Amino acid sequence: MNPEASRALAQFCADQYFAFDPRAWKRRSQYDHHASTLAAAYLCATDWYGHESELALIAAEVQALQGAPEGVAHPDQPGFDADQFAAMVRSEIAHRRTPPAPIRTAHEHGSAA
């Protein structure tokens, strides 16, 4: 998977972390079966992401729709760097948890009006 596609998938997974919607995974699978299935299979096996049962169903359903043999989309698959993907998703989640910096007015900057 190229870096741009990896970032987009990590951003999607972070979105889903905060507002999980199985329909969004199904929509995404229409154009990116392999990557979203792999992400669902990987994330359902983590202890930090959540939504394990829903992700397991999504991974299984997408594999069934594709007629893929058992285990085709597996996190140990060559070309999938689980550590890098986890770091990207966790970074996106952490970034979204960080509150935005307060907006400072001209008065707070010491400017006299």
N, C-alpha and C. Protein backbone atom coordinates (compact mmCIF):
# COMPACT_ATOMS: atom_id res chain seq x y z
N MET A 1 0.86 -1.17 0.00
CA MET A 1 0.00 0.00 0.00
C MET A 1 0.91 1.23 0.00
N ASN A 2 0.57 2.20 -0.83
CA ASN A 2 1.41 3.40 -0.90
C ASN A 2 1.17 4.29 0.32
N PRO A 3 2.10 5.20 0.62
CA PRO A 3 1.99 6.04 1.83
C PRO A 3 0.71 6.87 1.89
N GLU A 4 0.27 7.38 0.76
CA GLU A 4 -0.96 8.19 0.74
C GLU A 4 -2.18 7.33 1.10
N ALA A 5 -2.25 6.14 0.54
CA ALA A 5 -3.36 5.23 0.85
C ALA A 5 -3.31 4.79 2.31
N SER A 6 -2.11 4.57 2.83
CA SER A 6 -1.95 4.19 4.24
C SER A 6 -2.44 5.30 5.16
N ARG A 7 -2.07 6.54 4.85
CA ARG A 7 -2.52 7.68 5.66
C ARG A 7 -4.04 7.82 5.61
N ALA A 8 -4.60 7.68 4.42
CA ALA A 8 -6.06 7.79 4.28
C ALA A 8 -6.77 6.70 5.08
N LEU A 9 -6.24 5.49 5.05
CA LEU A 9 -6.84 4.39 5.80
C LEU A 9 -6.70 4.63 7.30
N ALA A 10 -5.55 5.12 7.75
CA ALA A 10 -5.35 5.43 9.17
C ALA A 10 -6.31 6.53 9.62
N GLN A 11 -6.53 7.53 8.79
CA GLN A 11 -7.47 8.60 9.12
C GLN A 11 -8.89 8.05 9.20
N PHE A 12 -9.25 7.18 8.27
CA PHE A 12 -10.56 6.55 8.29
C PHE A 12 -10.74 5.76 9.59
N CYS A 13 -9.72 4.99 9.96
CA CYS A 13 -9.80 4.18 11.19
C CYS A 13 -9.92 5.07 12.43
N ALA A 14 -9.23 6.21 12.44
CA ALA A 14 -9.36 7.14 13.56
C ALA A 14 -10.77 7.72 13.60
N ASP A 15 -11.32 8.07 12.44
CA ASP A 15 -12.71 8.54 12.39
C ASP A 15 -13.63 7.50 13.01
N GLN A 16 -13.43 6.24 12.63
CA GLN A 16 -14.27 5.16 13.10
C GLN A 16 -14.07 4.87 14.59
N TYR A 17 -12.91 5.13 15.10
CA TYR A 17 -12.64 4.95 16.53
C TYR A 17 -13.60 5.80 17.36
N PHE A 18 -13.82 7.03 16.90
CA PHE A 18 -14.67 7.96 17.64
C PHE A 18 -16.14 7.85 17.29
N ALA A 19 -16.46 7.42 16.09
CA ALA A 19 -17.86 7.34 15.65
C ALA A 19 -18.01 6.12 14.74
N PHE A 20 -18.03 4.94 15.35
CA PHE A 20 -18.04 3.70 14.59
C PHE A 20 -19.34 3.53 13.82
N ASP A 21 -19.20 3.21 12.55
CA ASP A 21 -20.36 2.99 11.68
C ASP A 21 -20.04 1.84 10.72
N PRO A 22 -20.61 0.66 10.96
CA PRO A 22 -20.33 -0.48 10.08
C PRO A 22 -20.64 -0.19 8.61
N ARG A 23 -21.62 0.68 8.36
CA ARG A 23 -21.96 1.02 6.97
C ARG A 23 -20.82 1.75 6.28
N ALA A 24 -20.06 2.54 7.03
CA ALA A 24 -18.92 3.25 6.45
C ALA A 24 -17.86 2.26 5.99
N TRP A 25 -17.65 1.20 6.77
CA TRP A 25 -16.68 0.17 6.37
C TRP A 25 -17.15 -0.53 5.10
N LYS A 26 -18.46 -0.79 5.02
CA LYS A 26 -19.00 -1.45 3.83
C LYS A 26 -18.86 -0.55 2.60
N ARG A 27 -19.13 0.75 2.78
CA ARG A 27 -18.96 1.67 1.66
C ARG A 27 -17.51 1.71 1.22
N ARG A 28 -16.59 1.77 2.17
CA ARG A 28 -15.17 1.83 1.84
C ARG A 28 -14.74 0.54 1.14
N SER A 29 -15.29 -0.59 1.57
CA SER A 29 -14.89 -1.87 0.97
C SER A 29 -15.26 -1.96 -0.50
N GLN A 30 -16.19 -1.13 -0.94
CA GLN A 30 -16.58 -1.15 -2.35
C GLN A 30 -15.45 -0.70 -3.27
N TYR A 31 -14.56 0.12 -2.76
CA TYR A 31 -13.45 0.56 -3.61
C TYR A 31 -12.09 0.14 -3.10
N ASP A 32 -12.01 -0.44 -1.89
CA ASP A 32 -10.71 -0.80 -1.34
C ASP A 32 -10.83 -2.07 -0.49
N HIS A 33 -11.30 -3.14 -1.10
CA HIS A 33 -11.57 -4.38 -0.36
C HIS A 33 -10.38 -4.83 0.47
N HIS A 34 -9.28 -4.96 -0.15
CA HIS A 34 -8.12 -5.55 0.52
C HIS A 34 -7.67 -4.72 1.72
N ALA A 35 -7.49 -3.43 1.57
CA ALA A 35 -6.96 -2.61 2.65
C ALA A 35 -7.92 -2.50 3.82
N SER A 36 -9.18 -2.27 3.55
CA SER A 36 -10.13 -2.14 4.65
C SER A 36 -10.36 -3.47 5.36
N THR A 37 -10.35 -4.56 4.63
CA THR A 37 -10.49 -5.88 5.25
C THR A 37 -9.28 -6.17 6.13
N LEU A 38 -8.11 -5.87 5.63
CA LEU A 38 -6.89 -6.07 6.40
C LEU A 38 -6.90 -5.21 7.65
N ALA A 39 -7.32 -3.96 7.53
CA ALA A 39 -7.39 -3.07 8.68
C ALA A 39 -8.39 -3.59 9.71
N ALA A 40 -9.56 -4.03 9.25
CA ALA A 40 -10.57 -4.57 10.16
C ALA A 40 -10.05 -5.82 10.86
N ALA A 41 -9.40 -6.70 10.10
CA ALA A 41 -8.86 -7.93 10.69
C ALA A 41 -7.77 -7.61 11.72
N TYR A 42 -6.93 -6.64 11.41
CA TYR A 42 -5.87 -6.26 12.35
C TYR A 42 -6.46 -5.59 13.59
N LEU A 43 -7.31 -4.60 13.40
CA LEU A 43 -7.82 -3.82 14.53
C LEU A 43 -8.70 -4.64 15.46
N CYS A 44 -9.41 -5.63 14.94
CA CYS A 44 -10.25 -6.45 15.83
C CYS A 44 -9.41 -7.31 16.76
N ALA A 45 -8.13 -7.49 16.45
CA ALA A 45 -7.25 -8.30 17.28
C ALA A 45 -6.43 -7.46 18.26
N THR A 46 -6.62 -6.14 18.25
CA THR A 46 -5.85 -5.29 19.17
C THR A 46 -6.59 -5.16 20.49
N ASP A 47 -5.86 -4.72 21.50
CA ASP A 47 -6.50 -4.49 22.80
C ASP A 47 -6.69 -2.99 23.07
N TRP A 48 -6.45 -2.16 22.09
CA TRP A 48 -6.53 -0.71 22.29
C TRP A 48 -7.55 -0.02 21.40
N TYR A 49 -8.00 -0.64 20.33
CA TYR A 49 -8.88 0.05 19.39
C TYR A 49 -10.35 -0.02 19.78
N GLY A 50 -10.79 -1.17 20.24
CA GLY A 50 -12.21 -1.35 20.54
C GLY A 50 -12.97 -1.86 19.32
N HIS A 51 -14.28 -2.02 19.46
CA HIS A 51 -15.17 -2.45 18.37
C HIS A 51 -14.76 -3.82 17.81
N GLU A 52 -14.19 -4.68 18.65
CA GLU A 52 -13.63 -5.94 18.17
C GLU A 52 -14.66 -6.82 17.46
N SER A 53 -15.83 -7.00 18.07
CA SER A 53 -16.80 -7.92 17.47
C SER A 53 -17.34 -7.37 16.16
N GLU A 54 -17.57 -6.05 16.10
CA GLU A 54 -18.06 -5.46 14.86
C GLU A 54 -17.02 -5.57 13.75
N LEU A 55 -15.76 -5.32 14.09
CA LEU A 55 -14.69 -5.41 13.09
C LEU A 55 -14.50 -6.84 12.59
N ALA A 56 -14.63 -7.81 13.50
CA ALA A 56 -14.50 -9.21 13.10
C ALA A 56 -15.60 -9.58 12.11
N LEU A 57 -16.82 -9.10 12.36
CA LEU A 57 -17.92 -9.37 11.43
C LEU A 57 -17.68 -8.69 10.08
N ILE A 58 -17.17 -7.48 10.10
CA ILE A 58 -16.89 -6.75 8.86
C ILE A 58 -15.82 -7.49 8.05
N ALA A 59 -14.74 -7.89 8.71
CA ALA A 59 -13.67 -8.60 8.01
C ALA A 59 -14.19 -9.91 7.42
N ALA A 60 -14.99 -10.64 8.18
CA ALA A 60 -15.53 -11.91 7.69
C ALA A 60 -16.52 -11.68 6.55
N GLU A 61 -17.37 -10.66 6.68
CA GLU A 61 -18.37 -10.40 5.65
C GLU A 61 -17.72 -9.98 4.33
N VAL A 62 -16.74 -9.12 4.40
CA VAL A 62 -16.07 -8.67 3.18
C VAL A 62 -15.36 -9.84 2.51
N GLN A 63 -14.71 -10.69 3.31
CA GLN A 63 -14.04 -11.87 2.75
C GLN A 63 -15.05 -12.78 2.08
N ALA A 64 -16.22 -12.96 2.71
CA ALA A 64 -17.24 -13.83 2.13
C ALA A 64 -17.76 -13.25 0.82
N LEU A 65 -17.99 -11.93 0.79
CA LEU A 65 -18.47 -11.29 -0.43
C LEU A 65 -17.47 -11.43 -1.57
N GLN A 66 -16.20 -11.40 -1.23
CA GLN A 66 -15.16 -11.53 -2.25
C GLN A 66 -14.91 -12.98 -2.63
N GLY A 67 -15.46 -13.91 -1.86
CA GLY A 67 -15.21 -15.31 -2.10
C GLY A 67 -13.78 -15.70 -1.75
N ALA A 68 -13.19 -14.94 -0.83
CA ALA A 68 -11.80 -15.19 -0.45
C ALA A 68 -11.71 -16.39 0.47
N PRO A 69 -10.69 -17.20 0.28
CA PRO A 69 -10.50 -18.30 1.21
C PRO A 69 -10.15 -17.77 2.59
N GLU A 70 -10.40 -18.56 3.60
CA GLU A 70 -10.13 -18.17 4.98
C GLU A 70 -8.69 -17.70 5.14
N GLY A 71 -8.53 -16.57 5.80
CA GLY A 71 -7.18 -16.10 6.11
C GLY A 71 -6.52 -15.27 5.04
N VAL A 72 -7.21 -14.94 3.95
CA VAL A 72 -6.57 -14.16 2.90
C VAL A 72 -6.19 -12.78 3.41
N ALA A 73 -7.10 -12.08 4.05
CA ALA A 73 -6.79 -10.77 4.60
C ALA A 73 -6.39 -10.95 6.05
N HIS A 74 -5.13 -11.16 6.28
CA HIS A 74 -4.62 -11.42 7.61
C HIS A 74 -3.51 -10.43 7.91
N PRO A 75 -3.46 -9.92 9.14
CA PRO A 75 -2.44 -8.93 9.49
C PRO A 75 -1.00 -9.39 9.30
N ASP A 76 -0.75 -10.67 9.23
CA ASP A 76 0.62 -11.16 9.01
C ASP A 76 0.97 -11.24 7.53
N GLN A 77 0.08 -10.78 6.68
CA GLN A 77 0.28 -10.86 5.24
C GLN A 77 1.49 -10.02 4.81
N PRO A 78 2.28 -10.51 3.87
CA PRO A 78 3.42 -9.72 3.38
C PRO A 78 2.95 -8.38 2.83
N GLY A 79 3.72 -7.35 3.09
CA GLY A 79 3.38 -6.02 2.62
C GLY A 79 2.57 -5.21 3.61
N PHE A 80 2.07 -5.83 4.68
CA PHE A 80 1.33 -5.10 5.70
C PHE A 80 2.24 -4.94 6.91
N ASP A 81 2.63 -3.72 7.20
CA ASP A 81 3.48 -3.41 8.35
C ASP A 81 2.57 -3.04 9.52
N ALA A 82 2.26 -4.03 10.35
CA ALA A 82 1.31 -3.83 11.44
C ALA A 82 1.78 -2.76 12.42
N ASP A 83 3.07 -2.75 12.73
CA ASP A 83 3.59 -1.76 13.67
C ASP A 83 3.44 -0.34 13.13
N GLN A 84 3.76 -0.16 11.86
CA GLN A 84 3.64 1.16 11.26
C GLN A 84 2.18 1.58 11.17
N PHE A 85 1.31 0.66 10.78
CA PHE A 85 -0.10 0.98 10.68
C PHE A 85 -0.67 1.35 12.05
N ALA A 86 -0.33 0.58 13.07
CA ALA A 86 -0.80 0.87 14.43
C ALA A 86 -0.32 2.25 14.88
N ALA A 87 0.94 2.57 14.59
CA ALA A 87 1.48 3.87 14.97
C ALA A 87 0.72 5.00 14.27
N MET A 88 0.39 4.80 13.00
CA MET A 88 -0.34 5.82 12.26
C MET A 88 -1.74 6.03 12.83
N VAL A 89 -2.45 4.94 13.11
CA VAL A 89 -3.81 5.04 13.65
C VAL A 89 -3.77 5.67 15.03
N ARG A 90 -2.86 5.21 15.88
CA ARG A 90 -2.75 5.76 17.24
C ARG A 90 -2.41 7.25 17.21
N SER A 91 -1.54 7.63 16.29
CA SER A 91 -1.16 9.04 16.16
C SER A 91 -2.37 9.89 15.76
N GLU A 92 -3.16 9.40 14.81
CA GLU A 92 -4.38 10.11 14.40
C GLU A 92 -5.36 10.24 15.57
N ILE A 93 -5.52 9.17 16.32
CA ILE A 93 -6.43 9.19 17.48
C ILE A 93 -5.93 10.19 18.52
N ALA A 94 -4.65 10.14 18.83
CA ALA A 94 -4.07 11.05 19.83
C ALA A 94 -4.20 12.50 19.38
N HIS A 95 -3.95 12.74 18.10
CA HIS A 95 -4.05 14.10 17.57
C HIS A 95 -5.46 14.65 17.74
N ARG A 96 -6.45 13.81 17.56
CA ARG A 96 -7.84 14.26 17.67
C ARG A 96 -8.28 14.42 19.12
N ARG A 97 -7.57 13.77 20.03
CA ARG A 97 -7.89 13.92 21.46
C ARG A 97 -7.28 15.19 22.04
N THR A 98 -6.25 15.71 21.39
CA THR A 98 -5.58 16.90 21.88
C THR A 98 -6.48 18.10 21.64
N PRO A 99 -6.80 18.85 22.71
CA PRO A 99 -7.66 20.01 22.50
C PRO A 99 -6.93 21.08 21.69
N PRO A 100 -7.67 21.83 20.91
CA PRO A 100 -7.04 22.89 20.12
C PRO A 100 -6.48 23.97 21.04
N ALA A 101 -5.47 24.66 20.58
CA ALA A 101 -4.89 25.75 21.35
C ALA A 101 -5.93 26.86 21.48
N PRO A 102 -5.95 27.52 22.63
CA PRO A 102 -6.93 28.61 22.79
C PRO A 102 -6.62 29.76 21.84
N ILE A 103 -7.66 30.42 21.43
CA ILE A 103 -7.50 31.57 20.55
C ILE A 103 -7.19 32.77 21.44
N ARG A 104 -6.09 33.41 21.14
CA ARG A 104 -5.69 34.56 21.94
C ARG A 104 -6.12 35.84 21.24
N THR A 105 -6.64 36.74 22.03
CA THR A 105 -7.06 38.03 21.48
C THR A 105 -5.88 38.98 21.47
N ALA A 106 -6.04 40.09 20.77
CA ALA A 106 -5.00 41.12 20.71
C ALA A 106 -4.71 41.65 22.12
N HIS A 107 -5.72 41.74 22.95
CA HIS A 107 -5.55 42.23 24.31
C HIS A 107 -4.62 41.32 25.11
N GLU A 108 -4.76 40.00 24.89
CA GLU A 108 -3.91 39.04 25.60
C GLU A 108 -2.47 39.10 25.15
N HIS A 109 -2.24 39.56 23.94
CA HIS A 109 -0.89 39.68 23.41
C HIS A 109 -0.18 40.93 23.91
N GLY A 110 -0.88 41.75 24.68
CA GLY A 110 -0.27 42.96 25.20
C GLY A 110 -0.46 44.17 24.32
N SER A 111 -1.29 44.06 23.30
CA SER A 111 -1.55 45.19 22.41
C SER A 111 -2.59 46.09 23.05
N ALA A 112 -2.38 47.37 22.94
CA ALA A 112 -3.37 48.33 23.44
C ALA A 112 -4.24 48.77 22.29
N ALA A 113 -5.52 48.79 22.53
CA ALA A 113 -6.44 49.17 21.45
C ALA A 113 -6.84 50.61 21.57
